[in-house]
Amino acid sequence: MSILYDEGQQAIATESRRALEARVSKDDLLPLLDARGQYHKGFWTTAKEQGWTALALPEAFGGLALGLVELGLIAHQAGRTLSGAPFLTSSFGAAKAIEHYGTEAQQSRWLPGLASGDTIGAVAFAAGPDPLPAVPGLVLQDASVRGTAFAVSGGLFADIAVVLADEGGSPALAIVDLAGTERHAIETFDNSRCIADLVLANAPADILVTGGRARAAALHILALQAVVTAHEQTGGAEALMEIARDYAVTRKAFGQPIGAFQSIKHRIAELYGLVELARANAIHAAAREGVDDFLVAAAAARLSATEAYDTAARDCIQIHGGIGVTWEAGLHLHMRRARTLALEQGSSLFWEDVLVDQLAGENA
């Protein structure tokens, strides 16, 4: 596809930005940093009311049958406004695992709730430096899972989780019902991500796929989530670039705007380049869903978006000087989100390995 959006997609972007800017503010988000186990309910209510939870799911289960490109548009705007909950990405990942690999009965049971947003999903193998370990830490036996899933984004409020478990020495992808599951909230940079350890004590599980296909399926789900996250990161980087630009043309030093100094103007110009590269990679990856080179595109999008957001968070604070590190300025909200998103769905080291494996061949 072209990297330009059509008229309908532009309308989605415009309306989602309008809705989020009206309902999510810095003053709403700052208190969440001090409160473990809370998220911005206004954002999640908006996501459900606007139908964003149903956007990329089949019509047969209450979805809107759009695609990753359209969901990416929503994620981009969510990144700009620092959406106060991770569920749009995590529920999408869980829903896609069930849609692609589940039986008709499993789809009928879970997808309507995920489409409406009444059910919150999580992907419990997406955290840490190695989201796909050679030997999964969870054990699947007799249709139940035991073990601890560590640092699950959205895990504190998730109703179901898709896990990668060890079934008699072979990997298995399964849906776990989290009703009654013991959850330990984790204090993090960004408590609105609702990250928790899930202690699964013979939690009921429904197998989606087993054997070698399970790892491939898990990587595909990670890639789908990585593309959504790349859009969110790009949105955050774009917002920071604009904040830095606006400050640089109004703040004066030595009788002129600080944007007149090369050290500032060059830095903002470099941010513009990083943002546009990340945007192009994210759009391209979203458009390649279902194509053979999707993993390559997803890895490239993830890596470029992580670099753009990390750099923008750092440079925007530097351009603001001392005021940039104050609580009231709120720039640390983006810094915290940039660091958190850099680890969700696997770190840059993980995606660099994926990219090399795909380009050179896994046996190279």
Protein backbone atom coordinates (compact mmCIF):
# COMPACT_ATOMS: atom_id res chain seq x y z
CA MET A 1 0.00 0.00 0.00
CA SER A 2 0.96 3.68 -0.25
CA ILE A 3 2.32 5.25 2.92
CA LEU A 4 -0.45 7.85 2.54
CA TYR A 5 -3.78 7.26 4.26
CA ASP A 6 -7.03 7.36 2.33
CA GLU A 7 -9.93 9.64 3.23
CA GLY A 8 -11.60 7.16 5.58
CA GLN A 9 -8.39 6.47 7.42
CA GLN A 10 -7.69 10.18 7.80
CA ALA A 11 -11.15 10.56 9.33
CA ILE A 12 -10.33 7.83 11.87
CA ALA A 13 -7.12 9.63 12.80
CA THR A 14 -8.84 13.01 13.14
CA GLU A 15 -11.75 11.77 15.23
CA SER A 16 -9.61 9.60 17.52
CA ARG A 17 -7.27 12.53 18.16
CA ARG A 18 -10.21 14.80 18.93
CA ALA A 19 -11.74 12.29 21.33
CA LEU A 20 -8.51 11.57 23.18
CA GLU A 21 -7.38 15.18 23.49
CA ALA A 22 -10.78 16.01 24.97
CA ARG A 23 -10.75 13.16 27.50
CA VAL A 24 -7.11 12.53 28.48
CA SER A 25 -4.94 15.19 30.08
CA LYS A 26 -1.64 15.43 31.92
CA ASP A 27 -3.49 16.25 35.13
CA ASP A 28 -5.34 12.92 34.87
CA LEU A 29 -2.16 10.95 34.34
CA LEU A 30 0.21 12.40 36.94
CA PRO A 31 -1.68 10.97 39.95
CA LEU A 32 -1.53 7.48 38.44
CA LEU A 33 2.24 7.44 38.89
CA ASP A 34 1.83 7.44 42.67
CA ALA A 35 -0.95 4.84 42.68
CA ARG A 36 -0.08 1.22 42.01
CA GLY A 37 -2.90 -0.82 40.54
CA GLN A 38 -4.89 1.94 38.84
CA TYR A 39 -5.36 2.99 35.24
CA HIS A 40 -7.08 5.87 33.47
CA LYS A 41 -10.63 4.62 33.28
CA GLY A 42 -11.66 7.52 31.03
CA PHE A 43 -9.34 6.28 28.28
CA TRP A 44 -10.63 2.71 28.43
CA THR A 45 -14.25 3.90 28.51
CA THR A 46 -13.56 6.01 25.43
CA ALA A 47 -11.93 3.06 23.65
CA LYS A 48 -15.01 0.92 24.24
CA GLU A 49 -17.51 3.65 23.36
CA GLN A 50 -15.69 4.49 20.13
CA GLY A 51 -15.50 0.84 19.07
CA TRP A 52 -11.69 0.76 19.03
CA THR A 53 -11.66 -2.56 20.86
CA ALA A 54 -13.65 -4.09 17.98
CA LEU A 55 -11.79 -2.37 15.16
CA ALA A 56 -9.65 -5.22 13.84
CA LEU A 57 -11.85 -8.20 14.76
CA PRO A 58 -14.31 -10.13 12.54
CA GLU A 59 -17.88 -8.89 12.18
CA ALA A 60 -19.19 -12.33 13.13
CA PHE A 61 -18.00 -11.73 16.69
CA GLY A 62 -18.99 -8.07 17.05
CA GLY A 63 -15.95 -6.59 15.32
CA LEU A 64 -15.67 -3.95 12.61
CA ALA A 65 -13.51 -6.07 10.27
CA LEU A 66 -10.95 -3.32 9.68
CA GLY A 67 -7.24 -4.00 9.94
CA LEU A 68 -3.91 -3.30 11.54
CA VAL A 69 -3.54 -0.05 9.59
CA GLU A 70 -6.68 1.41 11.17
CA LEU A 71 -5.80 0.15 14.65
CA GLY A 72 -2.36 1.68 14.17
CA LEU A 73 -4.01 5.05 13.60
CA ILE A 74 -5.76 4.77 16.97
CA ALA A 75 -2.54 3.65 18.68
CA HIS A 76 -0.68 6.61 17.18
CA GLN A 77 -3.15 9.04 18.72
CA ALA A 78 -3.09 7.12 22.00
CA GLY A 79 0.68 7.55 22.04
CA ARG A 80 0.37 11.29 21.46
CA THR A 81 -1.92 11.70 24.45
CA LEU A 82 -0.24 9.10 26.69
CA SER A 83 -3.17 6.72 26.96
CA GLY A 84 -3.52 5.61 30.55
CA ALA A 85 -4.05 1.84 30.03
CA PRO A 86 -2.33 -0.91 27.99
CA PHE A 87 -5.46 -2.90 27.19
CA LEU A 88 -5.94 -1.79 23.58
CA THR A 89 -2.70 -3.59 22.65
CA SER A 90 -2.94 -6.53 25.04
CA SER A 91 -6.57 -7.36 24.27
CA PHE A 92 -5.83 -7.09 20.55
CA GLY A 93 -2.96 -9.57 20.89
CA ALA A 94 -5.07 -12.04 22.84
CA ALA A 95 -7.98 -11.68 20.41
CA LYS A 96 -5.77 -12.25 17.37
CA ALA A 97 -4.30 -15.38 18.94
CA ILE A 98 -7.81 -16.76 19.37
CA GLU A 99 -8.97 -15.60 15.93
CA HIS A 100 -6.00 -17.10 14.07
CA TYR A 101 -5.41 -20.27 16.05
CA GLY A 102 -8.57 -21.01 18.05
CA THR A 103 -11.45 -23.30 17.28
CA GLU A 104 -14.89 -21.98 16.42
CA ALA A 105 -16.02 -22.75 19.96
CA GLN A 106 -13.09 -20.83 21.46
CA GLN A 107 -13.74 -17.89 19.16
CA SER A 108 -17.43 -17.81 20.04
CA ARG A 109 -16.63 -17.94 23.74
CA TRP A 110 -14.03 -15.20 23.94
CA LEU A 111 -14.04 -12.88 20.92
CA PRO A 112 -17.39 -11.10 21.53
CA GLY A 113 -16.25 -9.98 24.98
CA LEU A 114 -12.86 -8.86 23.69
CA ALA A 115 -14.54 -6.97 20.83
CA SER A 116 -16.84 -5.09 23.21
CA GLY A 117 -14.06 -4.42 25.71
CA ASP A 118 -15.99 -6.10 28.51
CA THR A 119 -13.29 -8.80 28.57
CA ILE A 120 -9.67 -7.68 28.97
CA GLY A 121 -6.97 -9.86 27.46
CA ALA A 122 -3.24 -10.13 28.11
CA VAL A 123 -0.36 -11.84 26.36
CA ALA A 124 1.69 -13.35 29.14
CA PHE A 125 4.86 -14.24 27.24
CA ALA A 126 5.59 -10.76 25.90
CA ALA A 127 7.79 -9.42 28.72
CA GLY A 128 11.50 -9.50 29.48
CA PRO A 129 14.62 -9.63 27.30
CA ASP A 130 13.61 -13.02 25.87
CA PRO A 131 9.85 -13.22 25.30
CA LEU A 132 10.22 -16.64 23.65
CA PRO A 133 12.55 -18.71 25.85
CA ALA A 134 13.68 -22.11 24.58
CA VAL A 135 11.93 -23.72 27.54
CA PRO A 136 8.75 -21.92 28.68
CA GLY A 137 8.53 -21.30 32.41
CA LEU A 138 4.88 -22.39 32.63
CA VAL A 139 3.79 -26.03 32.64
CA LEU A 140 0.65 -27.23 30.86
CA GLN A 141 -0.81 -30.53 32.03
CA ASP A 142 -4.32 -31.98 32.16
CA ALA A 143 -5.90 -28.83 30.66
CA SER A 144 -4.44 -26.58 33.34
CA VAL A 145 -1.38 -24.35 33.67
CA ARG A 146 0.85 -23.90 36.68
CA GLY A 147 3.77 -21.56 37.27
CA THR A 148 4.28 -17.81 37.38
CA ALA A 149 3.99 -15.48 34.40
CA PHE A 150 6.24 -12.55 35.23
CA ALA A 151 5.69 -8.85 34.50
CA VAL A 152 2.55 -9.19 32.38
CA SER A 153 1.42 -5.86 30.94
CA GLY A 154 -2.24 -5.34 31.85
CA GLY A 155 -2.09 -8.49 33.95
CA LEU A 156 -3.53 -6.84 37.04
CA PHE A 157 -6.96 -6.49 35.39
CA ALA A 158 -6.90 -9.09 32.61
CA ASP A 159 -9.71 -11.64 32.47
CA ILE A 160 -7.83 -14.04 30.19
CA ALA A 161 -4.22 -14.48 29.15
CA VAL A 162 -2.59 -16.18 26.19
CA VAL A 163 0.45 -18.08 27.46
CA LEU A 164 3.30 -20.12 26.02
CA ALA A 165 3.72 -23.22 28.18
CA ASP A 166 5.68 -26.47 28.25
CA GLU A 167 3.49 -29.49 27.56
CA GLY A 168 5.58 -32.61 28.08
CA GLY A 169 8.70 -31.05 26.60
CA SER A 170 6.89 -29.40 23.69
CA PRO A 171 5.71 -25.76 23.55
CA ALA A 172 1.99 -25.04 23.56
CA LEU A 173 0.06 -21.82 23.07
CA ALA A 174 -3.02 -21.71 25.30
CA ILE A 175 -5.77 -19.46 26.64
CA VAL A 176 -5.90 -19.27 30.43
CA ASP A 177 -8.96 -18.11 32.35
CA LEU A 178 -7.60 -15.79 35.06
CA ALA A 179 -10.65 -15.87 37.33
CA GLY A 180 -9.36 -16.44 40.86
CA THR A 181 -5.72 -16.06 39.83
CA GLU A 182 -3.32 -14.63 42.40
CA ARG A 183 -1.80 -11.39 41.09
CA HIS A 184 1.12 -9.43 42.46
CA ALA A 185 1.20 -5.81 41.27
CA ILE A 186 4.67 -4.54 40.35
CA GLU A 187 5.82 -0.99 41.10
CA THR A 188 7.20 0.39 37.84
CA PHE A 189 8.16 3.64 36.10
CA ASP A 190 4.66 3.76 34.69
CA ASN A 191 2.09 2.25 37.02
CA SER A 192 -0.76 2.86 34.55
CA ARG A 193 0.52 -0.18 32.59
CA CYS A 194 -0.93 -2.35 35.41
CA ILE A 195 1.98 -4.80 35.25
CA ALA A 196 1.68 -7.83 37.50
CA ASP A 197 3.09 -11.28 38.14
CA LEU A 198 0.39 -13.91 37.59
CA VAL A 199 0.67 -16.93 39.87
CA LEU A 200 -1.10 -19.72 38.00
CA ALA A 201 -2.01 -22.61 40.28
CA ASN A 202 -3.62 -25.16 37.97
CA ALA A 203 -5.49 -22.42 36.13
CA PRO A 204 -7.92 -23.83 33.52
CA ALA A 205 -6.45 -23.67 30.03
CA ASP A 206 -7.68 -24.15 26.47
CA ILE A 207 -4.98 -25.20 23.99
CA LEU A 208 -4.71 -23.19 20.77
CA VAL A 209 -1.72 -24.79 19.05
CA THR A 210 1.12 -27.13 20.04
CA GLY A 211 4.58 -28.16 18.88
CA GLY A 212 6.77 -26.14 16.53
CA ARG A 213 3.76 -24.20 15.31
CA ALA A 214 3.23 -22.86 18.82
CA ARG A 215 6.47 -20.87 18.82
CA ALA A 216 5.78 -19.54 15.32
CA ALA A 217 2.27 -18.54 16.42
CA ALA A 218 3.62 -16.82 19.53
CA LEU A 219 6.14 -14.85 17.46
CA HIS A 220 3.39 -13.80 15.06
CA ILE A 221 1.26 -12.50 17.96
CA LEU A 222 4.27 -10.61 19.32
CA ALA A 223 4.83 -9.08 15.89
CA LEU A 224 1.21 -7.92 15.66
CA GLN A 225 1.49 -6.29 19.08
CA ALA A 226 4.88 -4.82 18.17
CA VAL A 227 3.35 -3.02 15.19
CA VAL A 228 0.60 -1.54 17.38
CA THR A 229 3.24 -0.50 19.92
CA ALA A 230 5.40 1.02 17.17
CA HIS A 231 2.49 3.27 16.19
CA GLU A 232 2.04 4.25 19.84
CA GLN A 233 5.74 5.03 20.16
CA THR A 234 5.69 7.07 16.96
CA GLY A 235 2.74 9.08 18.25
CA GLY A 236 4.59 9.84 21.47
CA ALA A 237 7.75 10.84 19.58
CA GLU A 238 5.74 13.11 17.28
CA ALA A 239 4.09 14.85 20.25
CA LEU A 240 7.47 15.42 21.92
CA MET A 241 8.98 16.81 18.72
CA GLU A 242 6.13 19.32 18.49
CA ILE A 243 6.42 20.25 22.17
CA ALA A 244 10.18 20.85 21.73
CA ARG A 245 9.60 22.91 18.56
CA ASP A 246 6.94 25.09 20.18
CA TYR A 247 9.11 25.72 23.24
CA ALA A 248 12.16 26.54 21.12
CA VAL A 249 10.38 29.32 19.20
CA THR A 250 8.98 31.00 22.33
CA ARG A 251 11.72 30.61 24.95
CA LYS A 252 14.37 33.30 24.62
CA ALA A 253 18.01 33.44 25.63
CA PHE A 254 20.47 36.25 24.89
CA GLY A 255 17.67 38.21 23.25
CA GLN A 256 16.55 35.60 20.71
CA PRO A 257 14.50 32.38 20.61
CA ILE A 258 16.59 29.38 21.58
CA GLY A 259 15.45 27.75 18.34
CA ALA A 260 17.83 30.10 16.55
CA PHE A 261 20.83 28.26 18.02
CA GLN A 262 22.22 25.43 15.94
CA SER A 263 22.43 23.01 18.87
CA ILE A 264 18.64 23.29 19.25
CA LYS A 265 17.46 23.58 15.66
CA HIS A 266 19.62 20.65 14.52
CA ARG A 267 18.35 18.48 17.34
CA ILE A 268 14.72 19.18 16.44
CA ALA A 269 15.45 18.54 12.76
CA GLU A 270 17.00 15.18 13.67
CA LEU A 271 13.89 14.33 15.68
CA TYR A 272 11.74 15.10 12.66
CA GLY A 273 13.77 12.64 10.59
CA LEU A 274 13.48 9.90 13.23
CA VAL A 275 9.73 10.42 13.58
CA GLU A 276 9.09 10.26 9.84
CA LEU A 277 11.20 7.11 9.45
CA ALA A 278 9.35 5.49 12.33
CA ARG A 279 6.00 6.53 10.88
CA ALA A 280 6.82 5.10 7.45
CA ASN A 281 8.07 1.84 8.93
CA ALA A 282 4.99 1.49 11.14
CA ILE A 283 2.57 2.09 8.25
CA HIS A 284 4.49 -0.31 6.02
CA ALA A 285 4.47 -3.02 8.68
CA ALA A 286 0.74 -2.63 9.29
CA ALA A 287 0.10 -2.95 5.55
CA ARG A 288 2.20 -6.15 5.32
CA GLU A 289 0.05 -8.17 7.73
CA GLY A 290 -0.54 -11.59 6.20
CA VAL A 291 2.39 -11.28 3.77
CA ASP A 292 5.60 -13.32 3.92
CA ASP A 293 7.81 -10.39 4.90
CA PHE A 294 5.56 -9.25 7.77
CA LEU A 295 8.07 -10.25 10.47
CA VAL A 296 10.83 -8.25 8.78
CA ALA A 297 8.59 -5.20 8.51
CA ALA A 298 7.35 -5.55 12.10
CA ALA A 299 10.90 -5.82 13.48
CA ALA A 300 12.04 -2.78 11.47
CA ALA A 301 9.04 -0.77 12.69
CA ARG A 302 9.62 -1.76 16.27
CA LEU A 303 13.32 -0.86 16.20
CA SER A 304 12.91 2.50 14.47
CA ALA A 305 9.97 3.53 16.68
CA THR A 306 11.85 2.63 19.86
CA GLU A 307 14.81 4.75 18.76
CA ALA A 308 12.56 7.66 17.81
CA TYR A 309 10.62 7.70 21.10
CA ASP A 310 13.66 7.22 23.33
CA THR A 311 15.56 9.99 21.52
CA ALA A 312 12.60 12.37 21.52
CA ALA A 313 11.97 11.85 25.25
CA ARG A 314 15.59 12.58 26.08
CA ASP A 315 16.06 15.52 23.71
CA CYS A 316 12.78 17.24 24.54
CA ILE A 317 13.72 17.33 28.22
CA GLN A 318 17.20 18.63 27.34
CA ILE A 319 15.75 21.41 25.17
CA HIS A 320 13.52 22.52 28.04
CA GLY A 321 16.45 22.70 30.43
CA GLY A 322 15.72 22.72 34.16
CA ILE A 323 11.95 23.05 33.78
CA GLY A 324 11.92 19.85 31.70
CA VAL A 325 12.60 17.67 34.74
CA THR A 326 9.89 19.14 36.96
CA TRP A 327 6.82 17.16 37.94
CA GLU A 328 4.48 19.86 36.69
CA ALA A 329 5.94 19.96 33.17
CA GLY A 330 4.94 16.33 32.73
CA LEU A 331 7.65 15.49 30.18
CA HIS A 332 8.71 12.64 32.43
CA LEU A 333 5.40 10.98 31.56
CA HIS A 334 6.72 10.48 28.04
CA MET A 335 10.14 9.42 29.31
CA ARG A 336 8.52 6.78 31.53
CA ARG A 337 6.25 5.58 28.71
CA ALA A 338 9.16 5.46 26.24
CA ARG A 339 11.18 3.23 28.56
CA THR A 340 8.19 1.01 29.36
CA LEU A 341 7.17 0.50 25.73
CA ALA A 342 10.79 -0.25 24.82
CA LEU A 343 10.52 -3.42 26.91
CA GLU A 344 6.97 -4.54 26.21
CA GLN A 345 6.73 -7.06 23.35
CA GLY A 346 10.45 -7.76 23.73
CA SER A 347 13.45 -5.45 23.84
CA SER A 348 15.37 -4.04 20.87
CA LEU A 349 17.92 -6.84 21.26
CA PHE A 350 15.17 -9.41 20.74
CA TRP A 351 13.82 -7.68 17.62
CA GLU A 352 17.33 -7.21 16.22
CA ASP A 353 17.76 -10.99 16.47
CA VAL A 354 14.40 -11.55 14.77
CA LEU A 355 15.35 -9.18 11.97
CA VAL A 356 18.74 -10.84 11.42
CA ASP A 357 17.18 -14.32 11.48
CA GLN A 358 14.59 -13.34 8.91
CA LEU A 359 17.02 -11.56 6.59
CA ALA A 360 19.89 -14.04 6.79
CA GLY A 361 17.86 -17.20 7.37
CA GLU A 362 17.57 -18.87 10.75
CA ASN A 363 20.20 -21.45 9.81
CA ALA A 364 22.71 -18.94 8.43
